[in-house]
Amino acid sequence: MISPLLLLALAAPASSAPPPNPNLQRQAFTKCLSALLRPDLEQKTAVDAFATKASAACTAEEASFKAASIASDRAVGIRPADAEQNAKSEITDIRSAAVERYKGYLETNTAPR
């Protein structure tokens, strides 16, 4: 005898693909921000000035990542408002990490490889 749970599993449509992964867009966004580091380190730009510059840079990469992140969250059933907030939070984290890397390099008088 076939159990009702097994029948439900067999009747459910199979997912044809995993949810979209925004990793490529995340990497492109991070790479764009990282490209700002070396020229500003060479000029010894103040951290606050670099932070201002970084906050306005890489807007196309940010938009691409945000769209991919929201699509990924929505594909797994996350509410639109929550998906939007998740993307905004991750964008803030990525930008903050770039500024922290810059600050670390500036304080230690080193440069990215």
N, C-alpha and C. Protein backbone atom coordinates (compact mmCIF):
# COMPACT_ATOMS: atom_id res chain seq x y z
N MET A 1 0.84 -1.18 0.00
CA MET A 1 0.00 0.00 0.00
C MET A 1 0.89 1.25 0.00
N ILE A 2 0.53 2.22 -0.80
CA ILE A 2 1.30 3.45 -0.91
C ILE A 2 0.76 4.45 0.11
N SER A 3 1.68 5.05 0.84
CA SER A 3 1.26 6.00 1.88
C SER A 3 0.79 7.31 1.23
N PRO A 4 -0.11 8.01 1.90
CA PRO A 4 -0.58 9.30 1.37
C PRO A 4 0.56 10.32 1.20
N LEU A 5 1.53 10.29 2.08
CA LEU A 5 2.65 11.21 1.98
C LEU A 5 3.46 10.94 0.71
N LEU A 6 3.65 9.68 0.39
CA LEU A 6 4.38 9.32 -0.82
C LEU A 6 3.60 9.76 -2.05
N LEU A 7 2.29 9.61 -2.04
CA LEU A 7 1.47 10.06 -3.16
C LEU A 7 1.59 11.57 -3.35
N LEU A 8 1.60 12.32 -2.25
CA LEU A 8 1.76 13.77 -2.36
C LEU A 8 3.12 14.13 -2.94
N ALA A 9 4.14 13.43 -2.51
CA ALA A 9 5.48 13.70 -3.02
C ALA A 9 5.56 13.40 -4.51
N LEU A 10 4.92 12.34 -4.95
CA LEU A 10 4.95 11.98 -6.37
C LEU A 10 4.11 12.95 -7.20
N ALA A 11 3.05 13.47 -6.62
CA ALA A 11 2.16 14.37 -7.35
C ALA A 11 2.70 15.80 -7.41
N ALA A 12 3.56 16.17 -6.48
CA ALA A 12 4.09 17.53 -6.45
C ALA A 12 5.00 17.76 -7.65
N PRO A 13 4.92 18.93 -8.24
CA PRO A 13 5.79 19.23 -9.37
C PRO A 13 7.25 19.28 -8.92
N ALA A 14 8.10 18.69 -9.70
CA ALA A 14 9.53 18.70 -9.38
C ALA A 14 10.11 20.06 -9.74
N SER A 15 10.94 20.55 -8.86
CA SER A 15 11.62 21.82 -9.13
C SER A 15 12.67 21.55 -10.20
N SER A 16 12.61 22.31 -11.28
CA SER A 16 13.51 22.06 -12.40
C SER A 16 14.90 22.64 -12.17
N ALA A 17 15.02 23.60 -11.28
CA ALA A 17 16.33 24.21 -11.06
C ALA A 17 16.42 24.76 -9.64
N PRO A 18 17.63 24.86 -9.15
CA PRO A 18 17.79 25.47 -7.83
C PRO A 18 17.49 26.97 -7.91
N PRO A 19 17.26 27.60 -6.78
CA PRO A 19 17.00 29.05 -6.82
C PRO A 19 18.21 29.79 -7.38
N PRO A 20 17.98 30.95 -7.97
CA PRO A 20 19.10 31.71 -8.54
C PRO A 20 20.11 32.08 -7.44
N ASN A 21 21.36 32.12 -7.84
CA ASN A 21 22.44 32.43 -6.90
C ASN A 21 23.06 33.77 -7.28
N PRO A 22 23.00 34.75 -6.39
CA PRO A 22 23.53 36.08 -6.71
C PRO A 22 25.04 36.21 -6.52
N ASN A 23 25.75 35.10 -6.42
CA ASN A 23 27.18 35.16 -6.10
C ASN A 23 28.00 35.90 -7.15
N LEU A 24 27.71 35.68 -8.44
CA LEU A 24 28.48 36.38 -9.47
C LEU A 24 28.30 37.89 -9.38
N GLN A 25 27.08 38.32 -9.13
CA GLN A 25 26.81 39.75 -9.00
C GLN A 25 27.46 40.31 -7.73
N ARG A 26 27.45 39.51 -6.66
CA ARG A 26 28.11 39.92 -5.41
C ARG A 26 29.61 40.10 -5.64
N GLN A 27 30.21 39.14 -6.34
CA GLN A 27 31.64 39.22 -6.64
C GLN A 27 31.97 40.43 -7.51
N ALA A 28 31.14 40.70 -8.50
CA ALA A 28 31.37 41.86 -9.37
C ALA A 28 31.28 43.17 -8.58
N PHE A 29 30.33 43.25 -7.69
CA PHE A 29 30.17 44.44 -6.85
C PHE A 29 31.39 44.61 -5.94
N THR A 30 31.80 43.54 -5.30
CA THR A 30 32.96 43.58 -4.41
C THR A 30 34.23 43.93 -5.18
N LYS A 31 34.38 43.35 -6.37
CA LYS A 31 35.57 43.62 -7.19
C LYS A 31 35.61 45.10 -7.60
N CYS A 32 34.47 45.65 -7.96
CA CYS A 32 34.41 47.06 -8.33
C CYS A 32 34.85 47.95 -7.17
N LEU A 33 34.35 47.67 -5.98
CA LEU A 33 34.75 48.46 -4.81
C LEU A 33 36.23 48.26 -4.49
N SER A 34 36.71 47.04 -4.65
CA SER A 34 38.13 46.75 -4.38
C SER A 34 39.05 47.51 -5.33
N ALA A 35 38.58 47.75 -6.55
CA ALA A 35 39.40 48.48 -7.53
C ALA A 35 39.64 49.93 -7.11
N LEU A 36 38.83 50.43 -6.20
CA LEU A 36 39.01 51.80 -5.71
C LEU A 36 40.16 51.91 -4.72
N LEU A 37 40.53 50.81 -4.11
CA LEU A 37 41.49 50.85 -3.00
C LEU A 37 42.86 51.39 -3.39
N ARG A 38 43.50 50.75 -4.35
CA ARG A 38 44.91 51.06 -4.65
C ARG A 38 45.16 52.53 -4.98
N PRO A 39 44.41 53.14 -5.91
CA PRO A 39 44.68 54.55 -6.23
C PRO A 39 44.54 55.47 -5.00
N ASP A 40 43.54 55.21 -4.18
CA ASP A 40 43.36 56.06 -3.00
C ASP A 40 44.42 55.80 -1.94
N LEU A 41 44.88 54.55 -1.84
CA LEU A 41 45.97 54.26 -0.90
C LEU A 41 47.25 54.97 -1.33
N GLU A 42 47.50 54.98 -2.63
CA GLU A 42 48.70 55.65 -3.14
C GLU A 42 48.65 57.15 -2.85
N GLN A 43 47.45 57.72 -2.86
CA GLN A 43 47.29 59.16 -2.60
C GLN A 43 47.10 59.45 -1.11
N LYS A 44 47.03 58.39 -0.30
CA LYS A 44 46.81 58.53 1.15
C LYS A 44 45.52 59.31 1.45
N THR A 45 44.48 58.99 0.70
CA THR A 45 43.18 59.62 0.90
C THR A 45 42.68 59.30 2.31
N ALA A 46 42.11 60.28 2.98
CA ALA A 46 41.55 60.06 4.32
C ALA A 46 40.43 59.02 4.25
N VAL A 47 40.27 58.29 5.35
CA VAL A 47 39.26 57.23 5.39
C VAL A 47 37.86 57.79 5.12
N ASP A 48 37.53 58.92 5.72
CA ASP A 48 36.20 59.51 5.50
C ASP A 48 35.97 59.88 4.04
N ALA A 49 37.00 60.40 3.40
CA ALA A 49 36.88 60.76 1.98
C ALA A 49 36.73 59.50 1.13
N PHE A 50 37.47 58.46 1.48
CA PHE A 50 37.33 57.20 0.74
C PHE A 50 35.93 56.63 0.95
N ALA A 51 35.42 56.68 2.17
CA ALA A 51 34.08 56.16 2.46
C ALA A 51 33.03 56.89 1.64
N THR A 52 33.17 58.20 1.52
CA THR A 52 32.23 58.99 0.71
C THR A 52 32.32 58.57 -0.75
N LYS A 53 33.54 58.42 -1.24
CA LYS A 53 33.74 58.00 -2.64
C LYS A 53 33.16 56.60 -2.86
N ALA A 54 33.44 55.68 -1.94
CA ALA A 54 32.96 54.30 -2.08
C ALA A 54 31.44 54.21 -2.01
N SER A 55 30.82 55.09 -1.24
CA SER A 55 29.36 55.03 -1.11
C SER A 55 28.65 55.44 -2.40
N ALA A 56 29.35 56.19 -3.25
CA ALA A 56 28.74 56.64 -4.51
C ALA A 56 29.21 55.84 -5.72
N ALA A 57 30.16 54.94 -5.51
CA ALA A 57 30.76 54.19 -6.63
C ALA A 57 30.02 52.88 -6.88
N CYS A 58 30.25 52.33 -8.03
CA CYS A 58 29.79 50.98 -8.40
C CYS A 58 28.28 50.82 -8.35
N THR A 59 27.55 51.83 -8.78
CA THR A 59 26.09 51.78 -8.69
C THR A 59 25.48 50.75 -9.63
N ALA A 60 26.07 50.54 -10.80
CA ALA A 60 25.53 49.53 -11.72
C ALA A 60 25.70 48.13 -11.13
N GLU A 61 26.87 47.87 -10.55
CA GLU A 61 27.12 46.56 -9.93
C GLU A 61 26.22 46.36 -8.71
N GLU A 62 26.01 47.43 -7.97
CA GLU A 62 25.11 47.35 -6.82
C GLU A 62 23.69 47.01 -7.27
N ALA A 63 23.20 47.68 -8.29
CA ALA A 63 21.84 47.44 -8.78
C ALA A 63 21.69 46.01 -9.29
N SER A 64 22.70 45.52 -9.98
CA SER A 64 22.66 44.15 -10.49
C SER A 64 22.64 43.15 -9.34
N PHE A 65 23.48 43.38 -8.33
CA PHE A 65 23.50 42.49 -7.17
C PHE A 65 22.18 42.54 -6.42
N LYS A 66 21.65 43.75 -6.22
CA LYS A 66 20.39 43.89 -5.49
C LYS A 66 19.27 43.12 -6.18
N ALA A 67 19.16 43.26 -7.49
CA ALA A 67 18.12 42.55 -8.24
C ALA A 67 18.29 41.04 -8.12
N ALA A 68 19.53 40.56 -8.24
CA ALA A 68 19.79 39.12 -8.15
C ALA A 68 19.52 38.60 -6.74
N SER A 69 19.89 39.37 -5.74
CA SER A 69 19.66 38.96 -4.35
C SER A 69 18.17 38.87 -4.05
N ILE A 70 17.41 39.87 -4.49
CA ILE A 70 15.96 39.85 -4.27
C ILE A 70 15.33 38.68 -5.01
N ALA A 71 15.74 38.45 -6.24
CA ALA A 71 15.19 37.33 -7.02
C ALA A 71 15.49 36.00 -6.33
N SER A 72 16.69 35.87 -5.79
CA SER A 72 17.06 34.64 -5.10
C SER A 72 16.19 34.42 -3.86
N ASP A 73 16.02 35.47 -3.07
CA ASP A 73 15.18 35.36 -1.88
C ASP A 73 13.73 35.06 -2.24
N ARG A 74 13.22 35.73 -3.25
CA ARG A 74 11.83 35.52 -3.66
C ARG A 74 11.61 34.09 -4.17
N ALA A 75 12.63 33.53 -4.82
CA ALA A 75 12.52 32.17 -5.36
C ALA A 75 12.35 31.12 -4.26
N VAL A 76 12.81 31.44 -3.07
CA VAL A 76 12.66 30.49 -1.96
C VAL A 76 11.54 30.89 -1.01
N GLY A 77 10.70 31.84 -1.44
CA GLY A 77 9.50 32.17 -0.69
C GLY A 77 9.61 33.30 0.31
N ILE A 78 10.69 34.05 0.29
CA ILE A 78 10.83 35.17 1.21
C ILE A 78 9.95 36.33 0.73
N ARG A 79 9.27 36.97 1.66
CA ARG A 79 8.37 38.08 1.32
C ARG A 79 9.14 39.20 0.64
N PRO A 80 8.49 39.94 -0.28
CA PRO A 80 9.18 41.01 -1.01
C PRO A 80 9.86 42.04 -0.10
N ALA A 81 9.17 42.49 0.93
CA ALA A 81 9.77 43.50 1.82
C ALA A 81 11.00 42.95 2.53
N ASP A 82 10.93 41.69 2.93
CA ASP A 82 12.08 41.08 3.61
C ASP A 82 13.23 40.86 2.63
N ALA A 83 12.92 40.46 1.41
CA ALA A 83 13.96 40.27 0.39
C ALA A 83 14.66 41.60 0.10
N GLU A 84 13.88 42.67 0.03
CA GLU A 84 14.44 44.01 -0.19
C GLU A 84 15.35 44.40 0.96
N GLN A 85 14.90 44.16 2.18
CA GLN A 85 15.70 44.50 3.36
C GLN A 85 16.97 43.66 3.42
N ASN A 86 16.88 42.39 3.08
CA ASN A 86 18.07 41.53 3.06
C ASN A 86 19.10 42.07 2.08
N ALA A 87 18.66 42.46 0.91
CA ALA A 87 19.58 42.99 -0.11
C ALA A 87 20.22 44.29 0.37
N LYS A 88 19.42 45.19 0.93
CA LYS A 88 19.96 46.46 1.44
C LYS A 88 21.00 46.21 2.53
N SER A 89 20.70 45.28 3.41
CA SER A 89 21.62 44.97 4.50
C SER A 89 22.94 44.41 3.97
N GLU A 90 22.85 43.52 3.01
CA GLU A 90 24.07 42.94 2.45
C GLU A 90 24.88 43.99 1.69
N ILE A 91 24.21 44.89 0.99
CA ILE A 91 24.91 45.97 0.28
C ILE A 91 25.65 46.86 1.29
N THR A 92 24.99 47.19 2.38
CA THR A 92 25.63 47.98 3.43
C THR A 92 26.86 47.25 3.97
N ASP A 93 26.73 45.95 4.20
CA ASP A 93 27.85 45.15 4.70
C ASP A 93 29.02 45.14 3.72
N ILE A 94 28.72 44.98 2.44
CA ILE A 94 29.77 44.93 1.41
C ILE A 94 30.50 46.27 1.34
N ARG A 95 29.75 47.35 1.35
CA ARG A 95 30.37 48.69 1.30
C ARG A 95 31.19 48.95 2.58
N SER A 96 30.66 48.57 3.73
CA SER A 96 31.39 48.75 4.99
C SER A 96 32.67 47.94 5.01
N ALA A 97 32.62 46.73 4.48
CA ALA A 97 33.82 45.89 4.43
C ALA A 97 34.90 46.52 3.56
N ALA A 98 34.50 47.14 2.46
CA ALA A 98 35.48 47.81 1.58
C ALA A 98 36.15 48.96 2.32
N VAL A 99 35.37 49.73 3.07
CA VAL A 99 35.93 50.85 3.83
C VAL A 99 36.85 50.33 4.93
N GLU A 100 36.46 49.26 5.60
CA GLU A 100 37.30 48.68 6.65
C GLU A 100 38.61 48.13 6.07
N ARG A 101 38.53 47.50 4.90
CA ARG A 101 39.77 47.03 4.24
C ARG A 101 40.67 48.22 3.94
N TYR A 102 40.08 49.28 3.39
CA TYR A 102 40.86 50.48 3.08
C TYR A 102 41.52 51.02 4.35
N LYS A 103 40.76 51.13 5.40
CA LYS A 103 41.28 51.65 6.67
C LYS A 103 42.44 50.79 7.17
N GLY A 104 42.27 49.48 7.09
CA GLY A 104 43.33 48.57 7.52
C GLY A 104 44.61 48.73 6.71
N TYR A 105 44.46 48.79 5.40
CA TYR A 105 45.64 48.99 4.54
C TYR A 105 46.30 50.34 4.83
N LEU A 106 45.50 51.38 5.00
CA LEU A 106 46.05 52.71 5.25
C LEU A 106 46.81 52.75 6.58
N GLU A 107 46.23 52.15 7.61
CA GLU A 107 46.87 52.15 8.94
C GLU A 107 48.16 51.35 8.97
N THR A 108 48.23 50.28 8.17
CA THR A 108 49.43 49.44 8.18
C THR A 108 50.39 49.78 7.05
N ASN A 109 50.03 50.79 6.26
CA ASN A 109 50.85 51.21 5.12
C ASN A 109 51.15 50.04 4.18
N THR A 110 50.12 49.24 3.93
CA THR A 110 50.23 48.11 3.00
C THR A 110 49.25 48.33 1.87
N ALA A 111 49.31 47.43 0.89
CA ALA A 111 48.41 47.53 -0.26
C ALA A 111 47.85 46.16 -0.59
N PRO A 112 46.69 46.11 -1.22
CA PRO A 112 46.15 44.82 -1.63
C PRO A 112 47.05 44.17 -2.67
N ARG A 113 47.03 42.86 -2.70
CA ARG A 113 47.85 42.12 -3.66
C ARG A 113 47.20 42.08 -5.01
